[in-house]
């Protein structure tokens, strides 16, 4: 958090979290996806409360965890590896659609609240 605060004081207008690629999930499936994203979700939560600029949560996210990133305080998400590690354009399109649908659910719930 100290680094994020120093970056904002130096003029940064957005902060990106990292961390999910360094974690090794102990479980498969949904629990494993959450375990993989836990470090970057925790960073997004802490940093978004410490600085006044938007926080982009990236690293280790999936369609399961992008909504958690927004709930943790992120203004946006980065999902490069979730897409570019796939072998086909069809799989990439399906993954992007899944991410968009997950994020749309969050937006609808925020509007309803």
PDB file of N, CA and C in Angstrom:
ATOM      1  N   UNK A   1       0.822  -1.184   0.000  1.00  0.00           N
ATOM      2  CA  UNK A   1       0.000   0.000   0.000  1.00  0.00           C
ATOM      3  C   UNK A   1       0.868   1.249   0.000  1.00  0.00           C
ATOM      4  N   UNK A   2       1.984   1.176   0.692  1.00  0.00           N
ATOM      5  CA  UNK A   2       2.877   2.339   0.725  1.00  0.00           C
ATOM      6  C   UNK A   2       3.345   2.702  -0.684  1.00  0.00           C
ATOM      7  N   UNK A   3       3.713   1.703  -1.469  1.00  0.00           N
ATOM      8  CA  UNK A   3       4.139   1.965  -2.843  1.00  0.00           C
ATOM      9  C   UNK A   3       3.015   2.606  -3.646  1.00  0.00           C
ATOM     10  N   UNK A   4       1.798   2.095  -3.506  1.00  0.00           N
ATOM     11  CA  UNK A   4       0.659   2.666  -4.227  1.00  0.00           C
ATOM     12  C   UNK A   4       0.454   4.126  -3.835  1.00  0.00           C
ATOM     13  N   UNK A   5       0.539   4.416  -2.554  1.00  0.00           N
ATOM     14  CA  UNK A   5       0.379   5.797  -2.090  1.00  0.00           C
ATOM     15  C   UNK A   5       1.486   6.688  -2.644  1.00  0.00           C
ATOM     16  N   UNK A   6       2.722   6.193  -2.660  1.00  0.00           N
ATOM     17  CA  UNK A   6       3.836   6.964  -3.200  1.00  0.00           C
ATOM     18  C   UNK A   6       3.668   7.205  -4.704  1.00  0.00           C
ATOM     19  N   UNK A   7       3.174   6.189  -5.420  1.00  0.00           N
ATOM     20  CA  UNK A   7       2.943   6.351  -6.848  1.00  0.00           C
ATOM     21  C   UNK A   7       1.875   7.410  -7.124  1.00  0.00           C
ATOM     22  N   UNK A   8       0.816   7.405  -6.350  1.00  0.00           N
ATOM     23  CA  UNK A   8      -0.236   8.412  -6.513  1.00  0.00           C
ATOM     24  C   UNK A   8       0.320   9.794  -6.200  1.00  0.00           C
ATOM     25  N   UNK A   9       1.099   9.895  -5.138  1.00  0.00           N
ATOM     26  CA  UNK A   9       1.708  11.185  -4.794  1.00  0.00           C
ATOM     27  C   UNK A   9       2.656  11.671  -5.885  1.00  0.00           C
ATOM     28  N   UNK A  10       3.253  10.745  -6.628  1.00  0.00           N
ATOM     29  CA  UNK A  10       4.159  11.098  -7.728  1.00  0.00           C
ATOM     30  C   UNK A  10       3.405  11.394  -9.020  1.00  0.00           C
ATOM     31  N   UNK A  11       2.082  11.205  -9.019  1.00  0.00           N
ATOM     32  CA  UNK A  11       1.279  11.554 -10.181  1.00  0.00           C
ATOM     33  C   UNK A  11       0.593  10.405 -10.890  1.00  0.00           C
ATOM     34  N   UNK A  12       0.716   9.185 -10.403  1.00  0.00           N
ATOM     35  CA  UNK A  12       0.021   8.062 -11.038  1.00  0.00           C
ATOM     36  C   UNK A  12      -1.483   8.296 -10.959  1.00  0.00           C
ATOM     37  N   UNK A  13      -2.176   7.985 -12.061  1.00  0.00           N
ATOM     38  CA  UNK A  13      -3.626   8.183 -12.052  1.00  0.00           C
ATOM     39  C   UNK A  13      -4.395   6.869 -12.110  1.00  0.00           C
ATOM     40  N   UNK A  14      -3.678   5.743 -12.035  1.00  0.00           N
ATOM     41  CA  UNK A  14      -4.287   4.426 -11.929  1.00  0.00           C
ATOM     42  C   UNK A  14      -3.244   3.483 -11.338  1.00  0.00           C
ATOM     43  N   UNK A  15      -3.697   2.512 -10.567  1.00  0.00           N
ATOM     44  CA  UNK A  15      -2.818   1.508  -9.975  1.00  0.00           C
ATOM     45  C   UNK A  15      -3.309   0.137 -10.420  1.00  0.00           C
ATOM     46  N   UNK A  16      -2.373  -0.725 -10.847  1.00  0.00           N
ATOM     47  CA  UNK A  16      -2.727  -2.090 -11.237  1.00  0.00           C
ATOM     48  C   UNK A  16      -2.165  -3.063 -10.215  1.00  0.00           C
ATOM     49  N   UNK A  17      -3.011  -3.969  -9.754  1.00  0.00           N
ATOM     50  CA  UNK A  17      -2.562  -5.001  -8.825  1.00  0.00           C
ATOM     51  C   UNK A  17      -1.976  -6.167  -9.607  1.00  0.00           C
ATOM     52  N   UNK A  18      -1.173  -6.942  -8.952  1.00  0.00           N
ATOM     53  CA  UNK A  18      -0.590  -8.157  -9.521  1.00  0.00           C
ATOM     54  C   UNK A  18      -0.539  -9.193  -8.411  1.00  0.00           C
ATOM     55  N   UNK A  19      -0.221 -10.425  -8.752  1.00  0.00           N
ATOM     56  CA  UNK A  19      -0.022 -11.409  -7.710  1.00  0.00           C
ATOM     57  C   UNK A  19      -0.545 -12.789  -7.991  1.00  0.00           C
ATOM     58  N   UNK A  20      -1.590 -12.920  -8.802  1.00  0.00           N
ATOM     59  CA  UNK A  20      -2.209 -14.219  -9.011  1.00  0.00           C
ATOM     60  C   UNK A  20      -1.341 -15.242  -9.699  1.00  0.00           C
ATOM     61  N   UNK A  21      -0.405 -14.794 -10.536  1.00  0.00           N
ATOM     62  CA  UNK A  21       0.422 -15.754 -11.254  1.00  0.00           C
ATOM     63  C   UNK A  21       1.461 -16.396 -10.347  1.00  0.00           C
ATOM     64  N   UNK A  22       1.694 -15.810  -9.196  1.00  0.00           N
ATOM     65  CA  UNK A  22       2.683 -16.387  -8.288  1.00  0.00           C
ATOM     66  C   UNK A  22       2.061 -17.393  -7.323  1.00  0.00           C
ATOM     67  N   UNK A  23       0.749 -17.488  -7.315  1.00  0.00           N
ATOM     68  CA  UNK A  23       0.101 -18.418  -6.390  1.00  0.00           C
ATOM     69  C   UNK A  23      -0.141 -19.760  -7.072  1.00  0.00           C
ATOM     70  N   UNK A  24      -0.052 -20.807  -6.304  1.00  0.00           N
ATOM     71  CA  UNK A  24      -0.292 -22.159  -6.810  1.00  0.00           C
ATOM     72  C   UNK A  24      -1.497 -22.736  -6.091  1.00  0.00           C
ATOM     73  N   UNK A  25      -2.614 -22.874  -6.790  1.00  0.00           N
ATOM     74  CA  UNK A  25      -3.820 -23.397  -6.146  1.00  0.00           C
ATOM     75  C   UNK A  25      -3.614 -24.829  -5.644  1.00  0.00           C
ATOM     76  N   UNK A  26      -4.205 -25.119  -4.516  1.00  0.00           N
ATOM     77  CA  UNK A  26      -4.168 -26.472  -3.954  1.00  0.00           C
ATOM     78  C   UNK A  26      -5.341 -27.309  -4.436  1.00  0.00           C
ATOM     79  N   UNK A  27      -6.341 -26.663  -5.009  1.00  0.00           N
ATOM     80  CA  UNK A  27      -7.560 -27.355  -5.418  1.00  0.00           C
ATOM     81  C   UNK A  27      -7.831 -27.121  -6.899  1.00  0.00           C
ATOM     82  N   UNK A  28      -8.666 -27.932  -7.470  1.00  0.00           N
ATOM     83  CA  UNK A  28      -9.098 -27.739  -8.853  1.00  0.00           C
ATOM     84  C   UNK A  28     -10.446 -27.036  -8.848  1.00  0.00           C
ATOM     85  N   UNK A  29     -10.945 -26.754 -10.033  1.00  0.00           N
ATOM     86  CA  UNK A  29     -12.278 -26.171 -10.165  1.00  0.00           C
ATOM     87  C   UNK A  29     -12.379 -24.757  -9.620  1.00  0.00           C
ATOM     88  N   UNK A  30     -13.566 -24.415  -9.185  1.00  0.00           N
ATOM     89  CA  UNK A  30     -13.851 -23.064  -8.714  1.00  0.00           C
ATOM     90  C   UNK A  30     -12.975 -22.666  -7.538  1.00  0.00           C
ATOM     91  N   UNK A  31     -12.791 -23.562  -6.593  1.00  0.00           N
ATOM     92  CA  UNK A  31     -11.954 -23.244  -5.435  1.00  0.00           C
ATOM     93  C   UNK A  31     -10.524 -22.926  -5.868  1.00  0.00           C
ATOM     94  N   UNK A  32     -10.004 -23.662  -6.829  1.00  0.00           N
ATOM     95  CA  UNK A  32      -8.670 -23.398  -7.343  1.00  0.00           C
ATOM     96  C   UNK A  32      -8.571 -22.042  -8.021  1.00  0.00           C
ATOM     97  N   UNK A  33      -9.612 -21.656  -8.762  1.00  0.00           N
ATOM     98  CA  UNK A  33      -9.624 -20.344  -9.401  1.00  0.00           C
ATOM     99  C   UNK A  33      -9.611 -19.226  -8.365  1.00  0.00           C
ATOM    100  N   UNK A  34     -10.340 -19.427  -7.286  1.00  0.00           N
ATOM    101  CA  UNK A  34     -10.363 -18.432  -6.208  1.00  0.00           C
ATOM    102  C   UNK A  34      -9.007 -18.377  -5.510  1.00  0.00           C
ATOM    103  N   UNK A  35      -8.411 -19.529  -5.259  1.00  0.00           N
ATOM    104  CA  UNK A  35      -7.082 -19.563  -4.639  1.00  0.00           C
ATOM    105  C   UNK A  35      -6.055 -18.847  -5.507  1.00  0.00           C
ATOM    106  N   UNK A  36      -6.121 -19.049  -6.810  1.00  0.00           N
ATOM    107  CA  UNK A  36      -5.164 -18.416  -7.720  1.00  0.00           C
ATOM    108  C   UNK A  36      -5.308 -16.897  -7.711  1.00  0.00           C
ATOM    109  N   UNK A  37      -6.524 -16.411  -7.618  1.00  0.00           N
ATOM    110  CA  UNK A  37      -6.773 -14.970  -7.661  1.00  0.00           C
ATOM    111  C   UNK A  37      -6.627 -14.296  -6.300  1.00  0.00           C
ATOM    112  N   UNK A  38      -6.567 -15.048  -5.235  1.00  0.00           N
ATOM    113  CA  UNK A  38      -6.569 -14.473  -3.884  1.00  0.00           C
ATOM    114  C   UNK A  38      -5.540 -13.369  -3.671  1.00  0.00           C
ATOM    115  N   UNK A  39      -4.284 -13.526  -4.099  1.00  0.00           N
ATOM    116  CA  UNK A  39      -3.318 -12.438  -3.840  1.00  0.00           C
ATOM    117  C   UNK A  39      -3.690 -11.116  -4.508  1.00  0.00           C
ATOM    118  N   UNK A  40      -4.128 -11.159  -5.755  1.00  0.00           N
ATOM    119  CA  UNK A  40      -4.472  -9.915  -6.435  1.00  0.00           C
ATOM    120  C   UNK A  40      -5.789  -9.345  -5.929  1.00  0.00           C
ATOM    121  N   UNK A  41      -6.721 -10.204  -5.521  1.00  0.00           N
ATOM    122  CA  UNK A  41      -7.973  -9.722  -4.922  1.00  0.00           C
ATOM    123  C   UNK A  41      -7.697  -9.014  -3.600  1.00  0.00           C
ATOM    124  N   UNK A  42      -6.820  -9.590  -2.799  1.00  0.00           N
ATOM    125  CA  UNK A  42      -6.457  -8.970  -1.525  1.00  0.00           C
ATOM    126  C   UNK A  42      -5.776  -7.622  -1.758  1.00  0.00           C
ATOM    127  N   UNK A  43      -4.896  -7.573  -2.761  1.00  0.00           N
ATOM    128  CA  UNK A  43      -4.223  -6.311  -3.083  1.00  0.00           C
ATOM    129  C   UNK A  43      -5.231  -5.263  -3.550  1.00  0.00           C
ATOM    130  N   UNK A  44      -6.168  -5.664  -4.394  1.00  0.00           N
ATOM    131  CA  UNK A  44      -7.186  -4.719  -4.871  1.00  0.00           C
ATOM    132  C   UNK A  44      -8.007  -4.168  -3.707  1.00  0.00           C
ATOM    133  N   UNK A  45      -8.353  -5.040  -2.786  1.00  0.00           N
ATOM    134  CA  UNK A  45      -9.143  -4.613  -1.625  1.00  0.00           C
ATOM    135  C   UNK A  45      -8.383  -3.559  -0.802  1.00  0.00           C
ATOM    136  N   UNK A  46      -7.152  -3.882  -0.457  1.00  0.00           N
ATOM    137  CA  UNK A  46      -6.367  -2.979   0.395  1.00  0.00           C
ATOM    138  C   UNK A  46      -6.009  -1.684  -0.323  1.00  0.00           C
ATOM    139  N   UNK A  47      -5.539  -1.797  -1.555  1.00  0.00           N
ATOM    140  CA  UNK A  47      -5.078  -0.616  -2.281  1.00  0.00           C
ATOM    141  C   UNK A  47      -6.241   0.307  -2.622  1.00  0.00           C
ATOM    142  N   UNK A  48      -7.390  -0.246  -3.007  1.00  0.00           N
ATOM    143  CA  UNK A  48      -8.530   0.609  -3.381  1.00  0.00           C
ATOM    144  C   UNK A  48      -9.024   1.438  -2.198  1.00  0.00           C
ATOM    145  N   UNK A  49      -8.748   0.996  -1.007  1.00  0.00           N
ATOM    146  CA  UNK A  49      -9.146   1.758   0.178  1.00  0.00           C
ATOM    147  C   UNK A  49      -8.083   2.756   0.612  1.00  0.00           C
ATOM    148  N   UNK A  50      -6.871   2.602   0.085  1.00  0.00           N
ATOM    149  CA  UNK A  50      -5.756   3.459   0.499  1.00  0.00           C
ATOM    150  C   UNK A  50      -5.511   4.628  -0.450  1.00  0.00           C
ATOM    151  N   UNK A  51      -5.972   4.513  -1.711  1.00  0.00           N
ATOM    152  CA  UNK A  51      -5.695   5.563  -2.692  1.00  0.00           C
ATOM    153  C   UNK A  51      -6.994   6.091  -3.290  1.00  0.00           C
ATOM    154  N   UNK A  52      -6.888   7.261  -3.902  1.00  0.00           N
ATOM    155  CA  UNK A  52      -8.085   7.897  -4.467  1.00  0.00           C
ATOM    156  C   UNK A  52      -8.186   7.709  -5.980  1.00  0.00           C
ATOM    157  N   UNK A  53      -7.268   6.950  -6.577  1.00  0.00           N
ATOM    158  CA  UNK A  53      -7.304   6.717  -8.024  1.00  0.00           C
ATOM    159  C   UNK A  53      -7.904   5.340  -8.295  1.00  0.00           C
ATOM    160  N   UNK A  54      -8.376   5.098  -9.518  1.00  0.00           N
ATOM    161  CA  UNK A  54      -8.915   3.771  -9.852  1.00  0.00           C
ATOM    162  C   UNK A  54      -7.862   2.673  -9.711  1.00  0.00           C
ATOM    163  N   UNK A  55      -8.322   1.503  -9.333  1.00  0.00           N
ATOM    164  CA  UNK A  55      -7.459   0.333  -9.197  1.00  0.00           C
ATOM    165  C   UNK A  55      -7.889  -0.693 -10.241  1.00  0.00           C
ATOM    166  N   UNK A  56      -6.924  -1.138 -11.044  1.00  0.00           N
ATOM    167  CA  UNK A  56      -7.156  -2.183 -12.038  1.00  0.00           C
ATOM    168  C   UNK A  56      -6.641  -3.484 -11.435  1.00  0.00           C
ATOM    169  N   UNK A  57      -7.513  -4.437 -11.275  1.00  0.00           N
ATOM    170  CA  UNK A  57      -7.149  -5.729 -10.689  1.00  0.00           C
ATOM    171  C   UNK A  57      -6.799  -6.685 -11.815  1.00  0.00           C
ATOM    172  N   UNK A  58      -5.581  -7.205 -11.806  1.00  0.00           N
ATOM    173  CA  UNK A  58      -5.130  -8.111 -12.857  1.00  0.00           C
ATOM    174  C   UNK A  58      -4.252  -9.190 -12.244  1.00  0.00           C
ATOM    175  N   UNK A  59      -4.111 -10.264 -12.969  1.00  0.00           N
ATOM    176  CA  UNK A  59      -3.218 -11.355 -12.597  1.00  0.00           C
ATOM    177  C   UNK A  59      -3.986 -12.474 -11.922  1.00  0.00           C
ATOM    178  N   UNK A  60      -4.143 -13.562 -12.649  1.00  0.00           N
ATOM    179  CA  UNK A  60      -4.782 -14.741 -12.095  1.00  0.00           C
ATOM    180  C   UNK A  60      -6.292 -14.715 -12.076  1.00  0.00           C
ATOM    181  N   UNK A  61      -6.907 -13.760 -12.784  1.00  0.00           N
ATOM    182  CA  UNK A  61      -8.371 -13.659 -12.762  1.00  0.00           C
ATOM    183  C   UNK A  61      -9.006 -14.553 -13.814  1.00  0.00           C
ATOM    184  N   UNK A  62     -10.264 -14.891 -13.575  1.00  0.00           N
ATOM    185  CA  UNK A  62     -11.052 -15.730 -14.477  1.00  0.00           C
ATOM    186  C   UNK A  62     -12.485 -15.225 -14.457  1.00  0.00           C
ATOM    187  N   UNK A  63     -13.353 -15.872 -15.224  1.00  0.00           N
ATOM    188  CA  UNK A  63     -14.765 -15.466 -15.210  1.00  0.00           C
ATOM    189  C   UNK A  63     -15.389 -15.690 -13.840  1.00  0.00           C
ATOM    190  N   UNK A  64     -14.809 -16.573 -13.051  1.00  0.00           N
ATOM    191  CA  UNK A  64     -15.300 -16.811 -11.686  1.00  0.00           C
ATOM    192  C   UNK A  64     -14.901 -15.667 -10.765  1.00  0.00           C
ATOM    193  N   UNK A  65     -13.707 -15.113 -10.950  1.00  0.00           N
ATOM    194  CA  UNK A  65     -13.172 -14.167  -9.975  1.00  0.00           C
ATOM    195  C   UNK A  65     -13.227 -12.700 -10.386  1.00  0.00           C
ATOM    196  N   UNK A  66     -13.576 -12.395 -11.654  1.00  0.00           N
ATOM    197  CA  UNK A  66     -13.641 -10.975 -12.029  1.00  0.00           C
ATOM    198  C   UNK A  66     -14.693 -10.229 -11.216  1.00  0.00           C
ATOM    199  N   UNK A  67     -15.789 -10.885 -10.909  1.00  0.00           N
ATOM    200  CA  UNK A  67     -16.812 -10.217 -10.092  1.00  0.00           C
ATOM    201  C   UNK A  67     -16.308  -9.966  -8.672  1.00  0.00           C
ATOM    202  N   UNK A  68     -15.485 -10.870  -8.175  1.00  0.00           N
ATOM    203  CA  UNK A  68     -14.887 -10.680  -6.853  1.00  0.00           C
ATOM    204  C   UNK A  68     -13.946  -9.479  -6.857  1.00  0.00           C
ATOM    205  N   UNK A  69     -13.254  -9.269  -7.971  1.00  0.00           N
ATOM    206  CA  UNK A  69     -12.353  -8.122  -8.078  1.00  0.00           C
ATOM    207  C   UNK A  69     -13.125  -6.811  -7.972  1.00  0.00           C
ATOM    208  N   UNK A  70     -14.245  -6.743  -8.659  1.00  0.00           N
ATOM    209  CA  UNK A  70     -15.077  -5.536  -8.583  1.00  0.00           C
ATOM    210  C   UNK A  70     -15.618  -5.361  -7.165  1.00  0.00           C
ATOM    211  N   UNK A  71     -16.070  -6.448  -6.561  1.00  0.00           N
ATOM    212  CA  UNK A  71     -16.572  -6.386  -5.185  1.00  0.00           C
ATOM    213  C   UNK A  71     -15.476  -5.975  -4.213  1.00  0.00           C
ATOM    214  N   UNK A  72     -14.232  -6.312  -4.532  1.00  0.00           N
ATOM    215  CA  UNK A  72     -13.107  -5.967  -3.658  1.00  0.00           C
ATOM    216  C   UNK A  72     -12.714  -4.502  -3.780  1.00  0.00           C
ATOM    217  N   UNK A  73     -13.257  -3.810  -4.778  1.00  0.00           N
ATOM    218  CA  UNK A  73     -12.971  -2.390  -4.919  1.00  0.00           C
ATOM    219  C   UNK A  73     -12.288  -1.995  -6.208  1.00  0.00           C
ATOM    220  N   UNK A  74     -12.010  -2.952  -7.076  1.00  0.00           N
ATOM    221  CA  UNK A  74     -11.378  -2.631  -8.356  1.00  0.00           C
ATOM    222  C   UNK A  74     -12.336  -1.865  -9.255  1.00  0.00           C
ATOM    223  N   UNK A  75     -11.798  -0.936 -10.012  1.00  0.00           N
ATOM    224  CA  UNK A  75     -12.594  -0.200 -10.993  1.00  0.00           C
ATOM    225  C   UNK A  75     -12.650  -0.926 -12.326  1.00  0.00           C
ATOM    226  N   UNK A  76     -11.708  -1.834 -12.541  1.00  0.00           N
ATOM    227  CA  UNK A  76     -11.650  -2.603 -13.774  1.00  0.00           C
ATOM    228  C   UNK A  76     -10.788  -3.828 -13.570  1.00  0.00           C
ATOM    229  N   UNK A  77     -10.747  -4.685 -14.579  1.00  0.00           N
ATOM    230  CA  UNK A  77      -9.984  -5.931 -14.477  1.00  0.00           C
ATOM    231  C   UNK A  77      -9.114  -6.124 -15.713  1.00  0.00           C
ATOM    232  N   UNK A  78      -8.024  -6.847 -15.531  1.00  0.00           N
ATOM    233  CA  UNK A  78      -7.151  -7.236 -16.623  1.00  0.00           C
ATOM    234  C   UNK A  78      -7.139  -8.751 -16.702  1.00  0.00           C
ATOM    235  N   UNK A  79      -7.362  -9.292 -17.887  1.00  0.00           N
ATOM    236  CA  UNK A  79      -7.486 -10.744 -18.019  1.00  0.00           C
ATOM    237  C   UNK A  79      -6.685 -11.284 -19.207  1.00  0.00           C
ATOM    238  N   UNK A  80      -5.524 -10.724 -19.464  1.00  0.00           N
ATOM    239  CA  UNK A  80      -4.730 -11.116 -20.622  1.00  0.00           C
ATOM    240  C   UNK A  80      -4.434 -12.596 -20.704  1.00  0.00           C
ATOM    241  N   UNK A  81      -3.888 -13.182 -19.657  1.00  0.00           N
ATOM    242  CA  UNK A  81      -3.511 -14.599 -19.691  1.00  0.00           C
ATOM    243  C   UNK A  81      -4.725 -15.513 -19.793  1.00  0.00           C
ATOM    244  N   UNK A  82      -5.843 -15.092 -19.219  1.00  0.00           N
ATOM    245  CA  UNK A  82      -7.053 -15.915 -19.290  1.00  0.00           C
ATOM    246  C   UNK A  82      -7.504 -16.088 -20.734  1.00  0.00           C
ATOM    247  N   UNK A  83      -7.094 -15.172 -21.598  1.00  0.00           N
ATOM    248  CA  UNK A  83      -7.485 -15.236 -23.005  1.00  0.00           C
ATOM    249  C   UNK A  83      -6.344 -15.758 -23.875  1.00  0.00           C
ATOM    250  N   UNK A  84      -5.151 -15.158 -23.747  1.00  0.00           N
ATOM    251  CA  UNK A  84      -4.095 -15.489 -24.701  1.00  0.00           C
ATOM    252  C   UNK A  84      -3.447 -16.857 -24.492  1.00  0.00           C
ATOM    253  N   UNK A  85      -3.775 -17.548 -23.412  1.00  0.00           N
ATOM    254  CA  UNK A  85      -3.258 -18.907 -23.232  1.00  0.00           C
ATOM    255  C   UNK A  85      -4.128 -19.958 -23.926  1.00  0.00           C
ATOM    256  N   UNK A  86      -5.261 -19.540 -24.459  1.00  0.00           N
ATOM    257  CA  UNK A  86      -6.162 -20.466 -25.144  1.00  0.00           C
ATOM    258  C   UNK A  86      -5.653 -20.752 -26.557  1.00  0.00           C
ATOM    259  N   UNK A  87      -5.987 -21.940 -27.086  1.00  0.00           N
ATOM    260  CA  UNK A  87      -5.425 -22.396 -28.356  1.00  0.00           C
ATOM    261  C   UNK A  87      -6.202 -21.974 -29.591  1.00  0.00           C
ATOM    262  N   UNK A  88      -7.424 -21.541 -29.447  1.00  0.00           N
ATOM    263  CA  UNK A  88      -8.204 -21.234 -30.642  1.00  0.00           C
ATOM    264  C   UNK A  88      -8.978 -19.931 -30.465  1.00  0.00           C
ATOM    265  N   UNK A  89      -9.269 -19.326 -31.606  1.00  0.00           N
ATOM    266  CA  UNK A  89     -10.039 -18.085 -31.574  1.00  0.00           C
ATOM    267  C   UNK A  89     -11.435 -18.317 -31.010  1.00  0.00           C
ATOM    268  N   UNK A  90     -12.018 -19.467 -31.301  1.00  0.00           N
ATOM    269  CA  UNK A  90     -13.357 -19.775 -30.783  1.00  0.00           C
ATOM    270  C   UNK A  90     -13.320 -19.840 -29.256  1.00  0.00           C
ATOM    271  N   UNK A  91     -12.305 -20.490 -28.697  1.00  0.00           N
ATOM    272  CA  UNK A  91     -12.169 -20.561 -27.239  1.00  0.00           C
ATOM    273  C   UNK A  91     -11.947 -19.175 -26.651  1.00  0.00           C
ATOM    274  N   UNK A  92     -11.172 -18.336 -27.337  1.00  0.00           N
ATOM    275  CA  UNK A  92     -10.930 -16.970 -26.871  1.00  0.00           C
ATOM    276  C   UNK A  92     -12.218 -16.158 -26.858  1.00  0.00           C
ATOM    277  N   UNK A  93     -12.998 -16.277 -27.911  1.00  0.00           N
ATOM    278  CA  UNK A  93     -14.279 -15.562 -27.990  1.00  0.00           C
ATOM    279  C   UNK A  93     -15.213 -16.032 -26.876  1.00  0.00           C
ATOM    280  N   UNK A  94     -15.276 -17.328 -26.651  1.00  0.00           N
ATOM    281  CA  UNK A  94     -16.131 -17.868 -25.591  1.00  0.00           C
ATOM    282  C   UNK A  94     -15.680 -17.359 -24.225  1.00  0.00           C
ATOM    283  N   UNK A  95     -14.375 -17.301 -23.997  1.00  0.00           N
ATOM    284  CA  UNK A  95     -13.858 -16.817 -22.712  1.00  0.00           C
ATOM    285  C   UNK A  95     -14.192 -15.345 -22.515  1.00  0.00           C
ATOM    286  N   UNK A  96     -14.042 -14.543 -23.548  1.00  0.00           N
ATOM    287  CA  UNK A  96     -14.369 -13.116 -23.448  1.00  0.00           C
ATOM    288  C   UNK A  96     -15.851 -12.946 -23.167  1.00  0.00           C
ATOM    289  N   UNK A  97     -16.689 -13.700 -23.854  1.00  0.00           N
ATOM    290  CA  UNK A  97     -18.137 -13.607 -23.604  1.00  0.00           C
ATOM    291  C   UNK A  97     -18.472 -13.983 -22.167  1.00  0.00           C
ATOM    292  N   UNK A  98     -17.822 -15.002 -21.655  1.00  0.00           N
ATOM    293  CA  UNK A  98     -18.052 -15.417 -20.272  1.00  0.00           C
ATOM    294  C   UNK A  98     -17.655 -14.314 -19.295  1.00  0.00           C
ATOM    295  N   UNK A  99     -16.534 -13.662 -19.556  1.00  0.00           N
ATOM    296  CA  UNK A  99     -16.085 -12.548 -18.704  1.00  0.00           C
ATOM    297  C   UNK A  99     -17.061 -11.381 -18.776  1.00  0.00           C
ATOM    298  N   UNK A 100     -17.513 -11.055 -19.974  1.00  0.00           N
ATOM    299  CA  UNK A 100     -18.460  -9.944 -20.159  1.00  0.00           C
ATOM    300  C   UNK A 100     -19.767 -10.244 -19.431  1.00  0.00           C
ATOM    301  N   UNK A 101     -20.260 -11.472 -19.548  1.00  0.00           N
ATOM    302  CA  UNK A 101     -21.500 -11.849 -18.860  1.00  0.00           C
ATOM    303  C   UNK A 101     -21.338 -11.757 -17.342  1.00  0.00           C
ATOM    304  N   UNK A 102     -20.203 -12.194 -16.829  1.00  0.00           N
ATOM    305  CA  UNK A 102     -19.967 -12.116 -15.383  1.00  0.00           C
ATOM    306  C   UNK A 102     -19.954 -10.668 -14.921  1.00  0.00           C
ATOM    307  N   UNK A 103     -19.276  -9.800 -15.669  1.00  0.00           N
ATOM    308  CA  UNK A 103     -19.209  -8.391 -15.297  1.00  0.00           C
ATOM    309  C   UNK A 103     -20.560  -7.701 -15.456  1.00  0.00           C
ATOM    310  N   UNK A 104     -21.348  -8.102 -16.438  1.00  0.00           N
ATOM    311  CA  UNK A 104     -22.682  -7.526 -16.619  1.00  0.00           C
ATOM    312  C   UNK A 104     -23.567  -7.839 -15.422  1.00  0.00           C
ATOM    313  N   UNK A 105     -23.397  -9.014 -14.846  1.00  0.00           N
ATOM    314  CA  UNK A 105     -24.160  -9.389 -13.647  1.00  0.00           C
ATOM    315  C   UNK A 105     -23.852  -8.438 -12.502  1.00  0.00           C
ATOM    316  N   UNK A 106     -22.579  -8.083 -12.343  1.00  0.00           N
ATOM    317  CA  UNK A 106     -22.180  -7.148 -11.290  1.00  0.00           C
ATOM    318  C   UNK A 106     -22.795  -5.784 -11.553  1.00  0.00           C
ATOM    319  N   UNK A 107     -22.739  -5.310 -12.779  1.00  0.00           N
ATOM    320  CA  UNK A 107     -23.291  -4.006 -13.115  1.00  0.00           C
ATOM    321  C   UNK A 107     -24.795  -3.965 -12.855  1.00  0.00           C
ATOM    322  N   UNK A 108     -25.507  -5.028 -13.204  1.00  0.00           N
ATOM    323  CA  UNK A 108     -26.957  -5.051 -12.963  1.00  0.00           C
ATOM    324  C   UNK A 108     -27.250  -5.015 -11.465  1.00  0.00           C
ATOM    325  N   UNK A 109     -26.462  -5.728 -10.678  1.00  0.00           N
ATOM    326  CA  UNK A 109     -26.714  -5.745  -9.232  1.00  0.00           C
ATOM    327  C   UNK A 109     -26.381  -4.400  -8.596  1.00  0.00           C
ATOM    328  N   UNK A 110     -25.403  -3.682  -9.143  1.00  0.00           N
ATOM    329  CA  UNK A 110     -25.070  -2.360  -8.611  1.00  0.00           C
ATOM    330  C   UNK A 110     -26.152  -1.355  -8.948  1.00  0.00           C
ATOM    331  N   UNK A 111     -26.751  -1.479 -10.126  1.00  0.00           N
ATOM    332  CA  UNK A 111     -27.836  -0.593 -10.523  1.00  0.00           C
ATOM    333  C   UNK A 111     -29.064  -0.843  -9.663  1.00  0.00           C
ATOM    334  N   UNK A 112     -29.334  -2.100  -9.347  1.00  0.00           N
ATOM    335  CA  UNK A 112     -30.501  -2.446  -8.543  1.00  0.00           C
ATOM    336  C   UNK A 112     -30.350  -2.013  -7.090  1.00  0.00           C
ATOM    337  N   UNK A 113     -29.139  -1.871  -6.627  1.00  0.00           N
ATOM    338  CA  UNK A 113     -28.906  -1.506  -5.225  1.00  0.00           C
ATOM    339  C   UNK A 113     -29.073  -0.069  -5.014  1.00  0.00           C
TER     340      UNK A 113
END
